Amino acid sequence: MTARVLSASTASVDALMKAQNDFNAAMASNAELPQQGWSPDLIKLLALSLLAFTLCSLIISAVLLWRSRATSVQVLRTMGVISILGFSALLLVVGYSNEQLTPIIGLFGAIAGYLLGKDSPAPLAATLPRETSPPIEQSSTYTDKPVDKSFP
């Protein structure tokens, strides 16, 4: 009985070792494949599609901003945000590693934060009508003598 158990355990160990060796061989053959599961043709198609979509978005927004006679700050914000979103998506599709993408996305985030958070100095005081007081009427008792501020 013990010989039978011993041969069964030896057979299972041999089967495990064979499975481990097969797994290691499969992993070694897949090591040459790229980490990303997309084919290079698909990456090219997605990259070109993103560039075309970003360019079309920039052209449409330029026409709409031109027709509405937008200020330079509005044009800068709109074009900047569309460009940052398009190029960030392009970098994600192209598939750089996380070590390369992190500073780039951080820089794009800083630029987008500057564009969206920057307030233009609105000349509110210049656009509102100035409240003026009526002119001071001089009384007939007005003299050029200095006023005595001492109390009796």
Foldseek 3Di string as FASTA:
>chain_A
DVVVVVVVVVVVVVVVVVVVVVVVVVVVVCPPPDPDPDDPVVLVVVLVVLVVVLVVQLVVVVVVCVVVVHDPLVNCLSNLVSVLVSVLVNVVSNPDDPVVNVVVNVVSVVVNCCSVVDDDDDPPVVPDDDDDDDDDDDDPPDDPDDDDPDDD
